[in-house]
Each structure stands twice: as structure tokens, then as C-alpha cells.
C-alpha atoms as a PDB file:
ATOM      1  CA  MET A   1       0.000   0.000   0.000  1.00  0.00           C
ATOM      2  CA  PRO A   2       2.144   2.903  -1.263  1.00  0.00           C
ATOM      3  CA  ASP A   3       0.143   5.621   0.425  1.00  0.00           C
ATOM      4  CA  ARG A   4       0.414   4.100   3.941  1.00  0.00           C
ATOM      5  CA  PRO A   5       3.300   6.350   5.181  1.00  0.00           C
ATOM      6  CA  GLU A   6       1.428   9.445   3.998  1.00  0.00           C
ATOM      7  CA  ARG A   7      -1.714   8.363   5.832  1.00  0.00           C
ATOM      8  CA  LEU A   8       0.267   7.701   9.005  1.00  0.00           C
ATOM      9  CA  LEU A   9       1.895  11.115   8.827  1.00  0.00           C
ATOM     10  CA  GLU A  10      -1.526  12.695   8.389  1.00  0.00           C
ATOM     11  CA  GLN A  11      -2.710  10.819  11.476  1.00  0.00           C
ATOM     12  CA  VAL A  12       0.248  12.065  13.524  1.00  0.00           C
ATOM     13  CA  ALA A  13      -0.325  15.641  12.359  1.00  0.00           C
ATOM     14  CA  ALA A  14      -4.020  15.480  13.264  1.00  0.00           C
ATOM     15  CA  LEU A  15      -3.251  13.895  16.642  1.00  0.00           C
ATOM     16  CA  ALA A  16      -0.637  16.518  17.467  1.00  0.00           C
ATOM     17  CA  ALA A  17      -3.172  19.233  16.604  1.00  0.00           C
ATOM     18  CA  ASP A  18      -5.687  17.657  18.999  1.00  0.00           C
ATOM     19  CA  LEU A  19      -3.191  17.142  21.820  1.00  0.00           C
ATOM     20  CA  GLY A  20      -1.409  20.470  21.457  1.00  0.00           C
ATOM     21  CA  PRO A  21      -4.099  22.765  22.874  1.00  0.00           C
ATOM     22  CA  ALA A  22      -4.555  20.452  25.842  1.00  0.00           C
ATOM     23  CA  LEU A  23      -0.962  19.885  26.861  1.00  0.00           C
ATOM     24  CA  ALA A  24       1.484  22.304  25.231  1.00  0.00           C
ATOM     25  CA  PRO A  25       3.099  24.776  27.655  1.00  0.00           C
ATOM     26  CA  VAL A  26       2.589  28.366  26.580  1.00  0.00           C
ATOM     27  CA  GLY A  27       5.689  30.569  26.413  1.00  0.00           C
ATOM     28  CA  GLN A  28       7.774  28.576  28.882  1.00  0.00           C
ATOM     29  CA  LEU A  29      10.928  30.633  28.371  1.00  0.00           C
ATOM     30  CA  ASP A  30       8.965  33.882  28.659  1.00  0.00           C
ATOM     31  CA  LEU A  31       7.405  32.596  31.874  1.00  0.00           C
ATOM     32  CA  LEU A  32      10.814  31.749  33.341  1.00  0.00           C
ATOM     33  CA  ARG A  33      12.073  35.221  32.401  1.00  0.00           C
ATOM     34  CA  SER A  34       9.055  36.753  34.139  1.00  0.00           C
ATOM     35  CA  ILE A  35       9.700  34.650  37.244  1.00  0.00           C
ATOM     36  CA  THR A  36      13.331  35.753  37.548  1.00  0.00           C
ATOM     37  CA  ALA A  37      12.469  39.400  36.866  1.00  0.00           C
ATOM     38  CA  ALA A  38       9.658  39.372  39.446  1.00  0.00           C
ATOM     39  CA  ALA A  39      11.858  37.664  42.053  1.00  0.00           C
ATOM     40  CA  ARG A  40      14.647  40.207  41.544  1.00  0.00           C
ATOM     41  CA  GLU A  41      12.199  43.076  41.957  1.00  0.00           C
ATOM     42  CA  LEU A  42      10.439  41.639  45.007  1.00  0.00           C
ATOM     43  CA  PHE A  43      13.686  40.852  46.806  1.00  0.00           C
ATOM     44  CA  ASP A  44      15.293  44.113  45.675  1.00  0.00           C
ATOM     45  CA  ALA A  45      18.293  42.119  44.435  1.00  0.00           C
ATOM     46  CA  ALA A  46      20.996  43.129  41.971  1.00  0.00           C
ATOM     47  CA  ALA A  47      20.411  40.015  39.850  1.00  0.00           C
ATOM     48  CA  CYS A  48      18.426  36.785  39.608  1.00  0.00           C
ATOM     49  CA  SER A  49      19.274  33.763  37.447  1.00  0.00           C
ATOM     50  CA  LEU A  50      17.901  30.300  36.745  1.00  0.00           C
ATOM     51  CA  ALA A  51      19.953  27.243  35.749  1.00  0.00           C
ATOM     52  CA  LEU A  52      18.778  23.756  34.724  1.00  0.00           C
ATOM     53  CA  LEU A  53      20.433  20.358  34.972  1.00  0.00           C
ATOM     54  CA  ASP A  54      21.238  18.423  31.809  1.00  0.00           C
ATOM     55  CA  GLU A  55      19.839  14.905  31.285  1.00  0.00           C
ATOM     56  CA  ALA A  56      22.957  13.305  32.772  1.00  0.00           C
ATOM     57  CA  GLN A  57      22.584  15.582  35.827  1.00  0.00           C
ATOM     58  CA  GLU A  58      26.244  16.514  35.564  1.00  0.00           C
ATOM     59  CA  THR A  59      26.067  20.097  34.296  1.00  0.00           C
ATOM     60  CA  LEU A  60      24.025  23.199  35.077  1.00  0.00           C
ATOM     61  CA  THR A  61      23.186  25.579  32.216  1.00  0.00           C
ATOM     62  CA  PHE A  62      21.929  29.093  32.949  1.00  0.00           C
ATOM     63  CA  HIS A  63      18.878  29.670  30.739  1.00  0.00           C
ATOM     64  CA  VAL A  64      17.443  32.979  31.972  1.00  0.00           C
ATOM     65  CA  ALA A  65      18.687  35.880  34.076  1.00  0.00           C
ATOM     66  CA  SER A  66      17.656  39.373  35.099  1.00  0.00           C
ATOM     67  CA  GLY A  67      19.747  42.295  36.329  1.00  0.00           C
ATOM     68  CA  ALA A  68      23.516  42.712  36.642  1.00  0.00           C
ATOM     69  CA  GLY A  69      25.538  40.415  34.363  1.00  0.00           C
ATOM     70  CA  ALA A  70      22.361  38.870  32.881  1.00  0.00           C
ATOM     71  CA  GLU A  71      23.500  38.798  29.252  1.00  0.00           C
ATOM     72  CA  GLU A  72      26.843  37.236  30.120  1.00  0.00           C
ATOM     73  CA  VAL A  73      25.500  34.551  32.449  1.00  0.00           C
ATOM     74  CA  VAL A  74      22.868  33.143  30.039  1.00  0.00           C
ATOM     75  CA  GLY A  75      24.333  30.112  28.323  1.00  0.00           C
ATOM     76  CA  GLN A  76      27.051  29.507  30.909  1.00  0.00           C
ATOM     77  CA  ARG A  77      27.602  25.864  31.856  1.00  0.00           C
ATOM     78  CA  VAL A  78      28.825  24.841  35.301  1.00  0.00           C
ATOM     79  CA  PRO A  79      29.606  21.299  36.544  1.00  0.00           C
ATOM     80  CA  VAL A  80      27.399  20.272  39.450  1.00  0.00           C
ATOM     81  CA  ASP A  81      30.461  19.787  41.639  1.00  0.00           C
ATOM     82  CA  ARG A  82      31.353  23.474  41.309  1.00  0.00           C
ATOM     83  CA  GLY A  83      29.979  26.597  42.941  1.00  0.00           C
ATOM     84  CA  ILE A  84      27.099  27.385  45.238  1.00  0.00           C
ATOM     85  CA  ALA A  85      24.539  26.549  42.536  1.00  0.00           C
ATOM     86  CA  GLY A  86      26.107  23.117  42.106  1.00  0.00           C
ATOM     87  CA  TRP A  87      25.990  22.522  45.849  1.00  0.00           C
ATOM     88  CA  VAL A  88      22.296  23.433  45.960  1.00  0.00           C
ATOM     89  CA  VAL A  89      21.257  20.998  43.203  1.00  0.00           C
ATOM     90  CA  SER A  90      23.526  18.237  44.551  1.00  0.00           C
ATOM     91  CA  SER A  91      22.169  18.545  48.090  1.00  0.00           C
ATOM     92  CA  GLY A  92      18.609  19.560  47.225  1.00  0.00           C
ATOM     93  CA  GLN A  93      18.855  22.191  49.961  1.00  0.00           C
ATOM     94  CA  PRO A  94      18.467  25.997  49.821  1.00  0.00           C
ATOM     95  CA  VAL A  95      21.305  28.176  51.044  1.00  0.00           C
ATOM     96  CA  ALA A  96      21.892  31.791  52.074  1.00  0.00           C
ATOM     97  CA  VAL A  97      25.481  33.046  51.926  1.00  0.00           C
ATOM     98  CA  ALA A  98      26.091  36.516  53.323  1.00  0.00           C
ATOM     99  CA  ASP A  99      29.750  36.705  52.235  1.00  0.00           C
ATOM    100  CA  VAL A 100      30.537  34.590  49.178  1.00  0.00           C
ATOM    101  CA  ALA A 101      34.259  35.479  49.297  1.00  0.00           C
ATOM    102  CA  ALA A 102      34.517  33.596  52.581  1.00  0.00           C
ATOM    103  CA  ASP A 103      32.572  30.535  51.364  1.00  0.00           C
ATOM    104  CA  PRO A 104      34.674  27.682  49.896  1.00  0.00           C
ATOM    105  CA  ARG A 105      31.757  26.626  47.649  1.00  0.00           C
ATOM    106  CA  PHE A 106      31.815  29.898  45.716  1.00  0.00           C
ATOM    107  CA  ALA A 107      33.266  29.604  42.176  1.00  0.00           C
ATOM    108  CA  ALA A 108      34.815  33.043  41.676  1.00  0.00           C
ATOM    109  CA  GLU A 109      35.888  32.373  38.078  1.00  0.00           C
ATOM    110  CA  VAL A 110      32.259  31.786  37.025  1.00  0.00           C
ATOM    111  CA  ALA A 111      31.207  35.139  38.493  1.00  0.00           C
ATOM    112  CA  GLU A 112      34.213  36.895  36.941  1.00  0.00           C
ATOM    113  CA  ALA A 113      33.194  35.652  33.489  1.00  0.00           C
ATOM    114  CA  THR A 114      29.907  37.583  33.820  1.00  0.00           C
ATOM    115  CA  GLY A 115      31.649  40.824  34.788  1.00  0.00           C
ATOM    116  CA  TYR A 116      29.719  40.982  38.065  1.00  0.00           C
ATOM    117  CA  MET A 117      31.125  39.750  41.370  1.00  0.00           C
ATOM    118  CA  PRO A 118      28.359  39.299  43.981  1.00  0.00           C
ATOM    119  CA  ARG A 119      28.794  39.764  47.706  1.00  0.00           C
ATOM    120  CA  SER A 120      25.844  37.604  48.820  1.00  0.00           C
ATOM    121  CA  VAL A 121      23.789  34.754  47.341  1.00  0.00           C
ATOM    122  CA  LEU A 122      20.389  33.287  48.152  1.00  0.00           C
ATOM    123  CA  ALA A 123      19.759  30.048  46.228  1.00  0.00           C
ATOM    124  CA  MET A 124      16.842  27.601  46.080  1.00  0.00           C
ATOM    125  CA  PRO A 125      16.587  24.254  44.223  1.00  0.00           C
ATOM    126  CA  LEU A 126      13.942  23.879  41.522  1.00  0.00           C
ATOM    127  CA  GLN A 127      12.384  20.526  42.292  1.00  0.00           C
ATOM    128  CA  THR A 128       9.289  18.405  41.972  1.00  0.00           C
ATOM    129  CA  GLU A 129       8.255  15.417  44.059  1.00  0.00           C
ATOM    130  CA  ARG A 130      10.332  13.262  41.702  1.00  0.00           C
ATOM    131  CA  GLU A 131      13.596  15.120  41.054  1.00  0.00           C
ATOM    132  CA  VAL A 132      15.710  18.262  41.268  1.00  0.00           C
ATOM    133  CA  LEU A 133      15.554  20.206  37.983  1.00  0.00           C
ATOM    134  CA  GLY A 134      17.890  23.128  38.644  1.00  0.00           C
ATOM    135  CA  VAL A 135      18.397  26.185  40.823  1.00  0.00           C
ATOM    136  CA  ILE A 136      17.256  29.800  41.112  1.00  0.00           C
ATOM    137  CA  GLU A 137      19.722  32.313  42.576  1.00  0.00           C
ATOM    138  CA  LEU A 138      19.368  35.845  43.935  1.00  0.00           C
ATOM    139  CA  LEU A 139      22.488  38.002  44.093  1.00  0.00           C
ATOM    140  CA  ASP A 140      23.084  40.899  46.467  1.00  0.00           C
ATOM    141  CA  GLN A 141      19.667  41.366  48.032  1.00  0.00           C
ATOM    142  CA  ARG A 142      19.416  44.698  49.829  1.00  0.00           C
ATOM    143  CA  ALA A 143      19.738  44.359  53.596  1.00  0.00           C
ATOM    144  CA  ASP A 144      16.607  46.461  54.173  1.00  0.00           C
ATOM    145  CA  SER A 145      14.484  44.461  51.704  1.00  0.00           C
ATOM    146  CA  LEU A 146      10.847  44.298  52.819  1.00  0.00           C
ATOM    147  CA  VAL A 147      10.601  40.498  52.650  1.00  0.00           C
ATOM    148  CA  GLY A 148      13.057  40.069  55.537  1.00  0.00           C
ATOM    149  CA  ARG A 149      12.988  36.722  57.342  1.00  0.00           C
ATOM    150  CA  ARG A 150      10.518  35.201  54.886  1.00  0.00           C
ATOM    151  CA  ASP A 151      13.222  35.121  52.190  1.00  0.00           C
ATOM    152  CA  MET A 152      13.438  31.346  51.830  1.00  0.00           C
ATOM    153  CA  GLU A 153       9.691  30.799  51.958  1.00  0.00           C
ATOM    154  CA  LEU A 154       9.017  33.391  49.261  1.00  0.00           C
ATOM    155  CA  LEU A 155      11.870  32.272  47.029  1.00  0.00           C
ATOM    156  CA  GLY A 156      10.488  28.748  47.357  1.00  0.00           C
ATOM    157  CA  LEU A 157       7.222  29.945  45.806  1.00  0.00           C
ATOM    158  CA  PHE A 158       9.086  31.319  42.786  1.00  0.00           C
ATOM    159  CA  ALA A 159      11.079  28.099  42.506  1.00  0.00           C
ATOM    160  CA  ASN A 160       7.888  26.038  42.610  1.00  0.00           C
ATOM    161  CA  GLN A 161       6.296  28.002  39.754  1.00  0.00           C
ATOM    162  CA  ALA A 162       9.442  27.624  37.652  1.00  0.00           C
ATOM    163  CA  ALA A 163       9.605  23.880  38.337  1.00  0.00           C
ATOM    164  CA  LEU A 164       5.974  23.434  37.253  1.00  0.00           C
ATOM    165  CA  ALA A 165       6.643  25.242  33.963  1.00  0.00           C
ATOM    166  CA  ILE A 166       9.770  23.181  33.275  1.00  0.00           C
ATOM    167  CA  GLU A 167       8.054  19.892  34.082  1.00  0.00           C
ATOM    168  CA  ALA A 168       5.123  20.740  31.781  1.00  0.00           C
ATOM    169  CA  SER A 169       7.542  21.393  28.926  1.00  0.00           C
ATOM    170  CA  ARG A 170       9.338  18.079  29.476  1.00  0.00           C
ATOM    171  CA  VAL A 171       6.085  16.133  29.606  1.00  0.00           C
ATOM    172  CA  PHE A 172       5.057  17.608  26.266  1.00  0.00           C
ATOM    173  CA  SER A 173       8.453  16.732  24.778  1.00  0.00           C
ATOM    174  CA  SER A 174       8.129  13.138  26.021  1.00  0.00           C
ATOM    175  CA  LEU A 175       4.697  12.939  24.451  1.00  0.00           C
ATOM    176  CA  GLY A 176       6.165  13.959  21.106  1.00  0.00           C
ATOM    177  CA  GLN A 177       8.759  11.195  21.407  1.00  0.00           C
ATOM    178  CA  ALA A 178       6.015   8.660  22.114  1.00  0.00           C
ATOM    179  CA  LEU A 179       4.113   9.760  19.011  1.00  0.00           C
ATOM    180  CA  PHE A 180       7.076   9.344  16.713  1.00  0.00           C
ATOM    181  CA  GLN A 181       8.040   5.999  18.236  1.00  0.00           C
ATOM    182  CA  ALA A 182       4.499   4.810  17.596  1.00  0.00           C
ATOM    183  CA  LEU A 183       4.691   6.160  14.042  1.00  0.00           C
ATOM    184  CA  GLY A 184       7.776   4.057  13.406  1.00  0.00           C
ATOM    185  CA  MET A 185       6.075   0.968  14.835  1.00  0.00           C
ATOM    186  CA  ALA A 186       2.994   1.559  12.707  1.00  0.00           C
ATOM    187  CA  ALA A 187       5.042   2.075   9.549  1.00  0.00           C
ATOM    188  CA  ALA A 188       6.965  -1.154  10.175  1.00  0.00           C
ATOM    189  CA  GLY A 189       3.901  -3.307  10.824  1.00  0.00           C
ATOM    190  CA  ASP A 190       0.347  -3.801   9.700  1.00  0.00           C
ATOM    191  CA  ARG A 191      -1.407  -1.747  12.372  1.00  0.00           C
ATOM    192  CA  ASP A 192      -2.867   1.726  12.794  1.00  0.00           C
ATOM    193  CA  LEU A 193      -1.463   4.529  14.933  1.00  0.00           C
ATOM    194  CA  ALA A 194      -3.785   3.916  17.896  1.00  0.00           C
ATOM    195  CA  ALA A 195      -2.796   0.236  18.031  1.00  0.00           C
ATOM    196  CA  SER A 196       0.886   1.194  17.891  1.00  0.00           C
ATOM    197  CA  LEU A 197       0.410   3.607  20.781  1.00  0.00           C
ATOM    198  CA  ASP A 198      -1.271   0.838  22.773  1.00  0.00           C
ATOM    199  CA  GLU A 199       1.709  -1.416  22.088  1.00  0.00           C
ATOM    200  CA  LEU A 200       4.114   1.362  23.112  1.00  0.00           C
ATOM    201  CA  ALA A 201       2.165   1.852  26.356  1.00  0.00           C
ATOM    202  CA  ARG A 202       2.521  -1.864  27.148  1.00  0.00           C
ATOM    203  CA  ARG A 203       6.264  -1.869  26.438  1.00  0.00           C
ATOM    204  CA  SER A 204       7.283   1.436  28.013  1.00  0.00           C
ATOM    205  CA  PRO A 205       8.220   2.051  31.652  1.00  0.00           C
ATOM    206  CA  GLY A 206       6.655   4.602  33.978  1.00  0.00           C
ATOM    207  CA  PRO A 207       5.519   7.994  32.656  1.00  0.00           C
ATOM    208  CA  ALA A 208       6.212   7.108  29.001  1.00  0.00           C
ATOM    209  CA  ALA A 209       3.578   4.376  29.191  1.00  0.00           C
ATOM    210  CA  ASP A 210       0.998   6.786  30.599  1.00  0.00           C
ATOM    211  CA  LEU A 211       1.707   9.312  27.851  1.00  0.00           C
ATOM    212  CA  ALA A 212       1.431   6.678  25.129  1.00  0.00           C
ATOM    213  CA  GLU A 213      -1.865   5.467  26.587  1.00  0.00           C
ATOM    214  CA  LEU A 214      -3.181   9.045  26.687  1.00  0.00           C
ATOM    215  CA  ALA A 215      -2.110   9.626  23.080  1.00  0.00           C
ATOM    216  CA  GLY A 216      -3.804   6.377  22.054  1.00  0.00           C
ATOM    217  CA  ALA A 217      -7.046   7.574  23.605  1.00  0.00           C
ATOM    218  CA  PHE A 218      -6.807  10.826  21.641  1.00  0.00           C
ATOM    219  CA  ALA A 219      -6.085   8.860  18.462  1.00  0.00           C
ATOM    220  CA  ARG A 220      -9.385   7.024  18.888  1.00  0.00           C
ATOM    221  CA  LEU A 221     -11.185  10.280  19.568  1.00  0.00           C
ATOM    222  CA  GLY A 222     -10.037  11.351  16.108  1.00  0.00           C
ATOM    223  CA  GLN A 223     -12.453   8.795  14.698  1.00  0.00           C
ATOM    224  CA  VAL A 224     -15.563  10.109  16.453  1.00  0.00           C
ATOM    225  CA  GLY A 225     -15.737  13.677  15.158  1.00  0.00           C
ATOM    226  CA  PRO A 226     -14.515  17.223  15.921  1.00  0.00           C
ATOM    227  CA  ALA A 227     -17.118  17.977  18.588  1.00  0.00           C
ATOM    228  CA  GLU A 228     -16.060  14.993  20.677  1.00  0.00           C
ATOM    229  CA  ARG A 229     -12.384  15.856  20.266  1.00  0.00           C
ATOM    230  CA  ALA A 230     -13.027  19.427  21.384  1.00  0.00           C
ATOM    231  CA  ALA A 231     -14.970  18.198  24.429  1.00  0.00           C
ATOM    232  CA  ALA A 232     -12.140  15.819  25.396  1.00  0.00           C
ATOM    233  CA  THR A 233      -9.559  18.588  25.011  1.00  0.00           C
ATOM    234  CA  ARG A 234     -11.567  20.826  27.339  1.00  0.00           C
ATOM    235  CA  LEU A 235     -11.783  18.030  29.911  1.00  0.00           C
ATOM    236  CA  VAL A 236      -8.009  17.514  29.833  1.00  0.00           C
ATOM    237  CA  ARG A 237      -7.345  21.240  30.158  1.00  0.00           C
ATOM    238  CA  ASP A 238      -9.765  21.490  33.082  1.00  0.00           C
ATOM    239  CA  PHE A 239      -8.125  18.517  34.774  1.00  0.00           C
ATOM    240  CA  LEU A 240      -4.648  20.012  34.340  1.00  0.00           C
ATOM    241  CA  ALA A 241      -5.865  23.308  35.791  1.00  0.00           C
ATOM    242  CA  TYR A 242      -7.368  21.402  38.724  1.00  0.00           C
ATOM    243  CA  ALA A 243      -4.252  19.281  39.318  1.00  0.00           C
ATOM    244  CA  GLY A 244      -1.769  22.153  38.991  1.00  0.00           C
ATOM    245  CA  GLY A 245       0.147  23.374  42.014  1.00  0.00           C
ATOM    246  CA  ASP A 246      -1.063  21.659  45.180  1.00  0.00           C
ATOM    247  CA  GLY A 247      -3.777  19.586  43.453  1.00  0.00           C
ATOM    248  CA  ARG A 248      -6.666  21.758  44.599  1.00  0.00           C
ATOM    249  CA  PRO A 249      -8.799  23.863  42.260  1.00  0.00           C
ATOM    250  CA  SER A 250      -7.796  27.523  42.245  1.00  0.00           C
END
């Protein structure tokens, strides 16, 4: 059947269009920029930056920053066994350092590369219930900042919002991988896309299996009409809104 690959690609395109509105994170990088900018302003800090772990969990890469040295720090890579940021992600613990020059964990050469040498650092891990994703750092918070002793609690709120955005993006990426794996299985055998997704769900471990099963359900919805697909998309969006944050409806 010479037109089988074309039909499968059409199915994947239609399925992605159905799943996208329900699951795709909107402006993740813009959201992370807003989080760092808002944290810097609230804490009256000279700078705020956010770094994420790579898949091997060996290197931190700074993705967004606001304030002094922001342009220079974005894109910098730091091994997890170096610096205060590395200590935070390795330990999973927040830290407040009033005098970085006196702290052996401080990596002075990293700060020098940005052209800004901080005096103090407040750092919080970005983490979910499953793993540590990265770190958010505040540099040189003013001593008379209004937030005072609630520093760690408030920075934890910013870190939580960033972690939710990052996790949503990674879930969507994993879903895309499941779709293309199923496409390959369907192209290699005599089965449709939904059946391939079912097979992938049976063979995959953990979260990948759940995503494949969800995609398979959406693939079947594609056969029952646009109204039903739209209704299912709304249900998924409502559920995600309900389950976001602490699991209670906002």
C-alpha cells in the first residue's frame, strides 16, 4: 500500500493538533524570564538567574537571568560539583550566603566571566516530588528588603512556579517522542497509529507508558468527530488546571 506512510503522517499531524491545545506549555521561556524578573524586583536584588540540569545531571546551564551580568551569564555551563549553585542541586537544599568570598563553595571564576562579582547569594533548588531540575539564585539582596525573614519561603514559591513550567515542557516533549516511536512501529507493521500507541504503552516504563496510553485515547477520539475531540480537550485542560500546584482547584 504505497500511500500508507502518507496516511500515518496525516494521522500524527491530526493527533498533534488535537493534543497540542490540551498539553502544550505556553511561552515557557517567557514565563521563566518573568519569574526571575519578578523575584529580583520583590527581593530588591541586583540580579536573579535560573539554571537547569542536563539529562545526565552533571552540568548546570543558565537559561534565563535578570539584572547585573544577565546577558553574560545566560548560556554559561557549570559542573554540578562546582559553585554554590552546584551545591544546591547536589544537596537539594536551599542556602543563604552573606559573604561569598569567605565561602569555599563559591566559584569566583564563574562570576568573573559575567563581569559581576556578587557579595551575597540566596539560592533555592527547583524541584518536583520526583527530582531536582535546577536552581534559582538571587544576588546581592538589599539588607533592608521588605521580605526580611521570609526570604526562603518566598523564594520557594518562585522556585515552585518555575519547576511546574519546566516539568510541563518536558512532559510535552516526552509525548512527542512517544508519538514518533508509535509512528515508526505503525510504519513497520500492519497496524494503525492507535494500536501502535497501545503497544508502546505496554512496552514502556513509567511515565512514558501513561503518555502513550493518553495519546492512544486521543487517536481514537479522532475517529468520532470534531465535537467529541473538542470536548475531550476541554476536559483535559480542566483537569490540568485542577491538578496544577497543590492539586486543589484555584
